Amino acid sequence: MTTVEGLINGHPFRATLEPDGQGGHWLKVDRELREAAGAEAGDDVSLEIAPVAEEPEPKVPADLRKALAAAHPKARAVWSDITPVARRDWIQWIESAKREETRLKRIENGCDMLAKGKRRPCCFDRSGMYSKSLSCPVAEETSSEARQTRMAPE
């Protein structure tokens, strides 16, 4: 993941590009950004992007914040010392859990790993290349013309 800033149809924005699981990234253009840029889904737009000079602090989920507050002081010290990108990796690892029980276990294990000095979560594939846990959403196409265009031989 990397944070970028830029312009879409001349409207400024800041966003985090997500890994697509195939070695690239994708940009989520939510409704608010589409409306501000005067664009509809499927429109061609002008886009300018560049990496931000400094990665922003990620939003820490309430359950993780609470667990860190109650964790060993060493865990809090390591959390404070790691980079925003490393904190984002911890958060992504926790939030990628499919079940609530898994999420709670990852929070507990994460606090323990931080207390032991680990600066990155174990076994987390930040690229999505191996686990395919990260991928670009695919829009449903409604027109038969669009489907035929996509499916036409090259």
N, C-alpha and C. Protein backbone atom coordinates (compact mmCIF):
# COMPACT_ATOMS: atom_id res chain seq x y z
N MET A 1 0.84 -1.17 0.00
CA MET A 1 0.00 0.00 0.00
C MET A 1 0.89 1.24 0.00
N THR A 2 0.43 2.24 -0.69
CA THR A 2 1.15 3.50 -0.68
C THR A 2 0.13 4.63 -0.76
N THR A 3 0.41 5.69 -0.06
CA THR A 3 -0.50 6.82 -0.05
C THR A 3 -0.07 7.80 -1.13
N VAL A 4 -1.07 8.31 -1.85
CA VAL A 4 -0.83 9.25 -2.93
C VAL A 4 -1.72 10.48 -2.73
N GLU A 5 -1.33 11.54 -3.40
CA GLU A 5 -2.20 12.70 -3.48
C GLU A 5 -2.24 13.11 -4.94
N GLY A 6 -3.30 13.77 -5.31
CA GLY A 6 -3.40 14.15 -6.70
C GLY A 6 -4.68 14.88 -7.02
N LEU A 7 -5.02 14.85 -8.30
CA LEU A 7 -6.21 15.51 -8.81
C LEU A 7 -6.98 14.53 -9.67
N ILE A 8 -8.29 14.52 -9.50
CA ILE A 8 -9.17 13.77 -10.39
C ILE A 8 -10.16 14.79 -10.95
N ASN A 9 -10.10 14.98 -12.25
CA ASN A 9 -10.88 16.04 -12.91
C ASN A 9 -10.64 17.39 -12.23
N GLY A 10 -9.41 17.63 -11.81
CA GLY A 10 -9.05 18.89 -11.18
C GLY A 10 -9.39 18.98 -9.70
N HIS A 11 -10.05 17.97 -9.14
CA HIS A 11 -10.41 17.97 -7.71
C HIS A 11 -9.31 17.29 -6.90
N PRO A 12 -8.74 17.98 -5.89
CA PRO A 12 -7.66 17.38 -5.10
C PRO A 12 -8.16 16.25 -4.20
N PHE A 13 -7.31 15.23 -4.01
CA PHE A 13 -7.65 14.13 -3.12
C PHE A 13 -6.37 13.52 -2.57
N ARG A 14 -6.53 12.75 -1.51
CA ARG A 14 -5.46 11.93 -0.93
C ARG A 14 -6.07 10.57 -0.66
N ALA A 15 -5.36 9.52 -1.04
CA ALA A 15 -5.89 8.16 -0.88
C ALA A 15 -4.74 7.18 -0.75
N THR A 16 -5.07 6.00 -0.27
CA THR A 16 -4.10 4.92 -0.19
C THR A 16 -4.39 3.93 -1.29
N LEU A 17 -3.39 3.67 -2.14
CA LEU A 17 -3.52 2.66 -3.18
C LEU A 17 -3.41 1.29 -2.52
N GLU A 18 -4.27 0.40 -2.93
CA GLU A 18 -4.29 -0.95 -2.35
C GLU A 18 -3.61 -1.93 -3.30
N PRO A 19 -2.90 -2.93 -2.76
CA PRO A 19 -2.32 -3.94 -3.65
C PRO A 19 -3.42 -4.76 -4.31
N ASP A 20 -3.19 -5.16 -5.55
CA ASP A 20 -4.21 -5.90 -6.28
C ASP A 20 -3.96 -7.41 -6.29
N GLY A 21 -2.91 -7.85 -5.62
CA GLY A 21 -2.61 -9.28 -5.59
C GLY A 21 -1.90 -9.77 -6.83
N GLN A 22 -1.59 -8.87 -7.77
CA GLN A 22 -0.91 -9.25 -9.00
C GLN A 22 0.32 -8.39 -9.24
N GLY A 23 0.81 -7.75 -8.19
CA GLY A 23 2.01 -6.92 -8.31
C GLY A 23 1.72 -5.46 -8.61
N GLY A 24 0.45 -5.08 -8.71
CA GLY A 24 0.08 -3.70 -8.97
C GLY A 24 -0.76 -3.15 -7.84
N HIS A 25 -1.38 -2.02 -8.09
CA HIS A 25 -2.22 -1.35 -7.09
C HIS A 25 -3.50 -0.85 -7.75
N TRP A 26 -4.49 -0.55 -6.94
CA TRP A 26 -5.73 0.04 -7.43
C TRP A 26 -6.14 1.18 -6.53
N LEU A 27 -6.90 2.11 -7.10
CA LEU A 27 -7.36 3.29 -6.40
C LEU A 27 -8.86 3.21 -6.23
N LYS A 28 -9.32 3.25 -4.98
CA LYS A 28 -10.75 3.26 -4.72
C LYS A 28 -11.25 4.69 -4.88
N VAL A 29 -12.21 4.87 -5.77
CA VAL A 29 -12.84 6.18 -5.96
C VAL A 29 -14.25 6.04 -5.41
N ASP A 30 -14.43 6.50 -4.17
CA ASP A 30 -15.74 6.36 -3.53
C ASP A 30 -16.73 7.40 -4.05
N ARG A 31 -17.97 7.25 -3.64
CA ARG A 31 -19.05 8.13 -4.10
C ARG A 31 -18.73 9.59 -3.85
N GLU A 32 -18.24 9.91 -2.67
CA GLU A 32 -17.93 11.30 -2.33
C GLU A 32 -16.89 11.90 -3.29
N LEU A 33 -15.84 11.15 -3.58
CA LEU A 33 -14.81 11.63 -4.50
C LEU A 33 -15.34 11.72 -5.93
N ARG A 34 -16.13 10.72 -6.36
CA ARG A 34 -16.73 10.78 -7.70
C ARG A 34 -17.59 12.01 -7.85
N GLU A 35 -18.44 12.27 -6.86
CA GLU A 35 -19.33 13.43 -6.93
C GLU A 35 -18.53 14.74 -6.94
N ALA A 36 -17.51 14.83 -6.09
CA ALA A 36 -16.69 16.05 -6.05
C ALA A 36 -15.98 16.28 -7.37
N ALA A 37 -15.61 15.18 -8.05
CA ALA A 37 -14.90 15.28 -9.33
C ALA A 37 -15.88 15.40 -10.50
N GLY A 38 -17.17 15.32 -10.21
CA GLY A 38 -18.17 15.42 -11.28
C GLY A 38 -18.13 14.24 -12.22
N ALA A 39 -17.91 13.05 -11.68
CA ALA A 39 -17.79 11.85 -12.51
C ALA A 39 -18.77 10.79 -12.05
N GLU A 40 -19.14 9.94 -12.98
CA GLU A 40 -19.99 8.78 -12.70
C GLU A 40 -19.15 7.53 -12.95
N ALA A 41 -19.56 6.42 -12.35
CA ALA A 41 -18.88 5.14 -12.59
C ALA A 41 -18.86 4.88 -14.09
N GLY A 42 -17.69 4.53 -14.60
CA GLY A 42 -17.53 4.24 -16.02
C GLY A 42 -17.07 5.41 -16.85
N ASP A 43 -17.08 6.64 -16.28
CA ASP A 43 -16.62 7.83 -17.02
C ASP A 43 -15.10 7.82 -17.18
N ASP A 44 -14.62 8.43 -18.27
CA ASP A 44 -13.20 8.72 -18.40
C ASP A 44 -12.93 9.98 -17.59
N VAL A 45 -11.82 10.01 -16.86
CA VAL A 45 -11.46 11.17 -16.04
C VAL A 45 -10.00 11.51 -16.27
N SER A 46 -9.64 12.75 -15.91
CA SER A 46 -8.22 13.08 -15.91
C SER A 46 -7.72 12.81 -14.50
N LEU A 47 -6.56 12.19 -14.41
CA LEU A 47 -6.02 11.77 -13.12
C LEU A 47 -4.54 12.11 -13.05
N GLU A 48 -4.16 12.79 -11.98
CA GLU A 48 -2.75 13.04 -11.68
C GLU A 48 -2.51 12.54 -10.27
N ILE A 49 -1.48 11.70 -10.10
CA ILE A 49 -1.15 11.22 -8.75
C ILE A 49 0.35 11.21 -8.56
N ALA A 50 0.75 11.34 -7.30
CA ALA A 50 2.15 11.26 -6.91
C ALA A 50 2.19 10.75 -5.47
N PRO A 51 3.24 10.03 -5.10
CA PRO A 51 3.35 9.57 -3.71
C PRO A 51 3.44 10.77 -2.77
N VAL A 52 2.88 10.62 -1.57
CA VAL A 52 2.99 11.68 -0.58
C VAL A 52 4.42 11.71 -0.05
N ALA A 53 4.83 12.85 0.43
CA ALA A 53 6.19 12.99 0.96
C ALA A 53 6.35 12.19 2.25
N GLU A 54 5.30 12.14 3.05
CA GLU A 54 5.36 11.42 4.33
C GLU A 54 4.06 10.64 4.52
N GLU A 55 4.18 9.35 4.81
CA GLU A 55 2.99 8.52 5.01
C GLU A 55 2.19 9.02 6.22
N PRO A 56 0.88 9.12 6.09
CA PRO A 56 0.05 9.58 7.21
C PRO A 56 -0.12 8.48 8.25
N GLU A 57 -0.49 8.89 9.44
CA GLU A 57 -0.80 7.92 10.50
C GLU A 57 -2.09 7.20 10.16
N PRO A 58 -2.10 5.88 10.29
CA PRO A 58 -3.34 5.15 10.03
C PRO A 58 -4.32 5.33 11.19
N LYS A 59 -5.60 5.13 10.91
CA LYS A 59 -6.62 5.18 11.96
C LYS A 59 -6.57 3.84 12.69
N VAL A 60 -6.33 3.89 13.98
CA VAL A 60 -6.22 2.67 14.78
C VAL A 60 -7.62 2.29 15.27
N PRO A 61 -8.06 1.06 14.96
CA PRO A 61 -9.39 0.62 15.41
C PRO A 61 -9.50 0.67 16.94
N ALA A 62 -10.70 0.94 17.42
CA ALA A 62 -10.93 1.10 18.86
C ALA A 62 -10.48 -0.12 19.66
N ASP A 63 -10.77 -1.34 19.16
CA ASP A 63 -10.40 -2.53 19.92
C ASP A 63 -8.88 -2.68 20.04
N LEU A 64 -8.16 -2.31 19.00
CA LEU A 64 -6.70 -2.37 19.06
C LEU A 64 -6.16 -1.28 19.97
N ARG A 65 -6.73 -0.07 19.88
CA ARG A 65 -6.31 1.02 20.78
C ARG A 65 -6.47 0.62 22.24
N LYS A 66 -7.60 0.01 22.56
CA LYS A 66 -7.88 -0.43 23.93
C LYS A 66 -6.87 -1.49 24.38
N ALA A 67 -6.60 -2.46 23.48
CA ALA A 67 -5.66 -3.52 23.82
C ALA A 67 -4.25 -2.97 24.01
N LEU A 68 -3.85 -2.03 23.17
CA LEU A 68 -2.52 -1.43 23.32
C LEU A 68 -2.41 -0.65 24.63
N ALA A 69 -3.48 0.03 25.00
CA ALA A 69 -3.46 0.80 26.26
C ALA A 69 -3.27 -0.12 27.46
N ALA A 70 -3.80 -1.35 27.37
CA ALA A 70 -3.68 -2.31 28.47
C ALA A 70 -2.46 -3.22 28.33
N ALA A 71 -1.75 -3.12 27.24
CA ALA A 71 -0.62 -4.02 26.96
C ALA A 71 0.60 -3.64 27.78
N HIS A 72 1.58 -4.54 27.76
CA HIS A 72 2.87 -4.31 28.42
C HIS A 72 3.48 -3.01 27.88
N PRO A 73 4.14 -2.24 28.72
CA PRO A 73 4.75 -0.99 28.28
C PRO A 73 5.69 -1.15 27.08
N LYS A 74 6.37 -2.29 26.99
CA LYS A 74 7.27 -2.55 25.85
C LYS A 74 6.48 -2.59 24.54
N ALA A 75 5.26 -3.17 24.58
CA ALA A 75 4.42 -3.22 23.38
C ALA A 75 4.07 -1.81 22.94
N ARG A 76 3.70 -0.96 23.88
CA ARG A 76 3.37 0.43 23.54
C ARG A 76 4.59 1.18 23.03
N ALA A 77 5.76 0.89 23.60
CA ALA A 77 6.99 1.55 23.17
C ALA A 77 7.34 1.17 21.73
N VAL A 78 7.23 -0.11 21.40
CA VAL A 78 7.52 -0.56 20.04
C VAL A 78 6.50 0.03 19.08
N TRP A 79 5.22 0.02 19.44
CA TRP A 79 4.17 0.59 18.60
C TRP A 79 4.47 2.06 18.30
N SER A 80 4.90 2.79 19.29
CA SER A 80 5.21 4.21 19.11
C SER A 80 6.45 4.42 18.24
N ASP A 81 7.35 3.46 18.29
CA ASP A 81 8.63 3.61 17.58
C ASP A 81 8.58 3.18 16.12
N ILE A 82 7.62 2.33 15.75
CA ILE A 82 7.57 1.85 14.36
C ILE A 82 6.98 2.94 13.45
N THR A 83 7.17 2.74 12.17
CA THR A 83 6.71 3.72 11.18
C THR A 83 5.20 3.63 10.97
N PRO A 84 4.60 4.66 10.42
CA PRO A 84 3.17 4.57 10.08
C PRO A 84 2.87 3.41 9.14
N VAL A 85 3.77 3.10 8.22
CA VAL A 85 3.56 1.97 7.31
C VAL A 85 3.52 0.66 8.09
N ALA A 86 4.43 0.51 9.06
CA ALA A 86 4.44 -0.70 9.88
C ALA A 86 3.18 -0.79 10.72
N ARG A 87 2.72 0.33 11.27
CA ARG A 87 1.46 0.32 12.03
C ARG A 87 0.29 -0.06 11.12
N ARG A 88 0.30 0.44 9.88
CA ARG A 88 -0.76 0.09 8.92
C ARG A 88 -0.73 -1.41 8.63
N ASP A 89 0.47 -2.01 8.55
CA ASP A 89 0.58 -3.45 8.33
C ASP A 89 -0.06 -4.22 9.49
N TRP A 90 0.21 -3.82 10.73
CA TRP A 90 -0.40 -4.47 11.89
C TRP A 90 -1.92 -4.37 11.80
N ILE A 91 -2.41 -3.17 11.49
CA ILE A 91 -3.86 -2.96 11.41
C ILE A 91 -4.46 -3.81 10.29
N GLN A 92 -3.81 -3.84 9.14
CA GLN A 92 -4.32 -4.64 8.01
C GLN A 92 -4.34 -6.12 8.37
N TRP A 93 -3.31 -6.58 9.04
CA TRP A 93 -3.25 -7.98 9.44
C TRP A 93 -4.42 -8.32 10.37
N ILE A 94 -4.69 -7.43 11.30
CA ILE A 94 -5.79 -7.65 12.24
C ILE A 94 -7.13 -7.58 11.51
N GLU A 95 -7.30 -6.58 10.67
CA GLU A 95 -8.59 -6.38 10.00
C GLU A 95 -8.85 -7.39 8.88
N SER A 96 -7.82 -8.09 8.44
CA SER A 96 -8.03 -9.08 7.38
C SER A 96 -8.60 -10.40 7.91
N ALA A 97 -8.74 -10.50 9.23
CA ALA A 97 -9.35 -11.70 9.81
C ALA A 97 -10.80 -11.80 9.36
N LYS A 98 -11.21 -12.99 8.99
CA LYS A 98 -12.58 -13.19 8.51
C LYS A 98 -13.58 -13.37 9.66
N ARG A 99 -13.10 -13.89 10.78
CA ARG A 99 -13.99 -14.14 11.93
C ARG A 99 -13.58 -13.27 13.10
N GLU A 100 -14.55 -12.90 13.91
CA GLU A 100 -14.29 -12.06 15.08
C GLU A 100 -13.32 -12.74 16.04
N GLU A 101 -13.45 -14.06 16.21
CA GLU A 101 -12.54 -14.78 17.12
C GLU A 101 -11.09 -14.66 16.63
N THR A 102 -10.91 -14.75 15.32
CA THR A 102 -9.57 -14.63 14.75
C THR A 102 -9.03 -13.22 14.97
N ARG A 103 -9.87 -12.23 14.76
CA ARG A 103 -9.47 -10.84 14.97
C ARG A 103 -9.00 -10.63 16.41
N LEU A 104 -9.79 -11.10 17.37
CA LEU A 104 -9.44 -10.93 18.79
C LEU A 104 -8.13 -11.65 19.12
N LYS A 105 -7.95 -12.82 18.54
CA LYS A 105 -6.70 -13.58 18.77
C LYS A 105 -5.51 -12.83 18.17
N ARG A 106 -5.72 -12.23 16.98
CA ARG A 106 -4.62 -11.47 16.36
C ARG A 106 -4.27 -10.24 17.18
N ILE A 107 -5.26 -9.59 17.76
CA ILE A 107 -4.97 -8.43 18.62
C ILE A 107 -4.15 -8.88 19.82
N GLU A 108 -4.58 -9.96 20.44
CA GLU A 108 -3.85 -10.49 21.60
C GLU A 108 -2.42 -10.90 21.21
N ASN A 109 -2.30 -11.66 20.12
CA ASN A 109 -0.98 -12.10 19.66
C ASN A 109 -0.12 -10.91 19.24
N GLY A 110 -0.75 -9.93 18.58
CA GLY A 110 -0.02 -8.75 18.14
C GLY A 110 0.58 -7.99 19.30
N CYS A 111 -0.21 -7.79 20.36
CA CYS A 111 0.31 -7.10 21.54
C CYS A 111 1.47 -7.88 22.16
N ASP A 112 1.35 -9.19 22.17
CA ASP A 112 2.42 -10.04 22.70
C ASP A 112 3.68 -9.94 21.83
N MET A 113 3.49 -9.97 20.51
CA MET A 113 4.65 -9.87 19.61
C MET A 113 5.33 -8.50 19.75
N LEU A 114 4.53 -7.44 19.85
CA LEU A 114 5.10 -6.10 20.04
C LEU A 114 5.88 -6.04 21.35
N ALA A 115 5.34 -6.64 22.41
CA ALA A 115 6.02 -6.65 23.70
C ALA A 115 7.35 -7.39 23.63
N LYS A 116 7.45 -8.33 22.69
CA LYS A 116 8.70 -9.09 22.50
C LYS A 116 9.63 -8.39 21.51
N GLY A 117 9.22 -7.21 21.02
CA GLY A 117 10.09 -6.43 20.15
C GLY A 117 9.85 -6.60 18.66
N LYS A 118 8.86 -7.40 18.27
CA LYS A 118 8.59 -7.58 16.83
C LYS A 118 8.02 -6.29 16.27
N ARG A 119 8.55 -5.89 15.14
CA ARG A 119 8.15 -4.62 14.53
C ARG A 119 7.17 -4.80 13.37
N ARG A 120 7.00 -6.01 12.90
CA ARG A 120 6.07 -6.32 11.82
C ARG A 120 5.28 -7.57 12.20
N PRO A 121 4.03 -7.66 11.74
CA PRO A 121 3.27 -8.89 12.03
C PRO A 121 3.88 -10.06 11.28
N CYS A 122 3.81 -11.21 11.86
CA CYS A 122 4.35 -12.39 11.19
C CYS A 122 3.41 -12.84 10.09
N CYS A 123 3.94 -13.44 9.12
CA CYS A 123 3.17 -14.16 8.10
C CYS A 123 2.16 -13.30 7.36
N PHE A 124 2.33 -12.00 7.34
CA PHE A 124 1.37 -11.14 6.65
C PHE A 124 1.92 -10.77 5.29
N ASP A 125 1.19 -11.15 4.26
CA ASP A 125 1.58 -10.88 2.88
C ASP A 125 0.99 -9.53 2.47
N ARG A 126 1.78 -8.46 2.60
CA ARG A 126 1.26 -7.12 2.32
C ARG A 126 1.00 -6.90 0.83
N SER A 127 1.54 -7.73 -0.03
CA SER A 127 1.31 -7.54 -1.46
C SER A 127 0.03 -8.24 -1.94
N GLY A 128 -0.44 -9.22 -1.17
CA GLY A 128 -1.59 -10.01 -1.62
C GLY A 128 -1.22 -11.02 -2.68
N MET A 129 0.06 -11.11 -3.03
CA MET A 129 0.49 -11.99 -4.12
C MET A 129 0.31 -13.47 -3.79
N TYR A 130 0.45 -13.83 -2.53
CA TYR A 130 0.43 -15.24 -2.18
C TYR A 130 -0.89 -15.66 -1.57
N SER A 131 -1.43 -14.86 -0.69
CA SER A 131 -2.67 -15.24 -0.03
C SER A 131 -3.89 -14.83 -0.81
N LYS A 132 -3.73 -13.90 -1.73
CA LYS A 132 -4.86 -13.34 -2.49
C LYS A 132 -5.88 -12.70 -1.55
N SER A 133 -5.44 -12.35 -0.33
CA SER A 133 -6.35 -11.72 0.61
C SER A 133 -6.65 -10.28 0.21
N LEU A 134 -5.80 -9.72 -0.62
CA LEU A 134 -6.01 -8.37 -1.10
C LEU A 134 -6.23 -8.43 -2.59
N SER A 135 -7.28 -7.81 -3.05
CA SER A 135 -7.53 -7.81 -4.49
C SER A 135 -8.37 -6.61 -4.88
N CYS A 136 -8.32 -6.29 -6.13
CA CYS A 136 -9.08 -5.18 -6.68
C CYS A 136 -10.53 -5.63 -6.89
N PRO A 137 -11.49 -4.84 -6.43
CA PRO A 137 -12.88 -5.21 -6.70
C PRO A 137 -13.17 -5.10 -8.20
N VAL A 138 -14.08 -5.90 -8.67
CA VAL A 138 -14.44 -5.90 -10.07
C VAL A 138 -15.87 -5.42 -10.19
N ALA A 139 -16.07 -4.36 -10.96
CA ALA A 139 -17.41 -3.82 -11.15
C ALA A 139 -18.24 -4.75 -12.02
N GLU A 140 -19.49 -4.86 -11.68
CA GLU A 140 -20.40 -5.65 -12.52
C GLU A 140 -20.77 -4.81 -13.72
N GLU A 141 -20.69 -5.42 -14.89
CA GLU A 141 -21.06 -4.71 -16.10
C GLU A 141 -22.48 -5.09 -16.45
N THR A 142 -23.28 -4.09 -16.76
CA THR A 142 -24.68 -4.35 -17.03
C THR A 142 -25.02 -4.40 -18.50
N SER A 143 -24.25 -3.73 -19.33
CA SER A 143 -24.61 -3.71 -20.75
C SER A 143 -24.00 -4.90 -21.47
N SER A 144 -24.77 -5.47 -22.38
CA SER A 144 -24.25 -6.60 -23.15
C SER A 144 -23.12 -6.14 -24.05
N GLU A 145 -23.15 -4.87 -24.50
CA GLU A 145 -22.08 -4.33 -25.34
C GLU A 145 -20.75 -4.34 -24.57
N ALA A 146 -20.79 -3.92 -23.30
CA ALA A 146 -19.57 -3.90 -22.51
C ALA A 146 -19.04 -5.30 -22.31
N ARG A 147 -19.93 -6.26 -22.05
CA ARG A 147 -19.48 -7.64 -21.91
C ARG A 147 -18.89 -8.17 -23.19
N GLN A 148 -19.51 -7.88 -24.32
CA GLN A 148 -19.00 -8.35 -25.61
C GLN A 148 -17.65 -7.72 -25.91
N THR A 149 -17.50 -6.45 -25.59
CA THR A 149 -16.22 -5.77 -25.83
C THR A 149 -15.12 -6.43 -25.02
N ARG A 150 -15.43 -6.70 -23.76
CA ARG A 150 -14.43 -7.31 -22.88
C ARG A 150 -14.10 -8.72 -23.32
N MET A 151 -15.07 -9.44 -23.82
CA MET A 151 -14.88 -10.84 -24.17
C MET A 151 -14.46 -11.06 -25.60
N ALA A 152 -14.44 -9.99 -26.40
CA ALA A 152 -14.08 -10.14 -27.82
C ALA A 152 -12.64 -10.57 -27.96
N PRO A 153 -12.33 -11.44 -28.92
CA PRO A 153 -10.94 -11.85 -29.14
C PRO A 153 -10.10 -10.68 -29.61
N GLU A 154 -8.84 -10.70 -29.26
CA GLU A 154 -7.94 -9.61 -29.64
C GLU A 154 -7.39 -9.80 -31.03
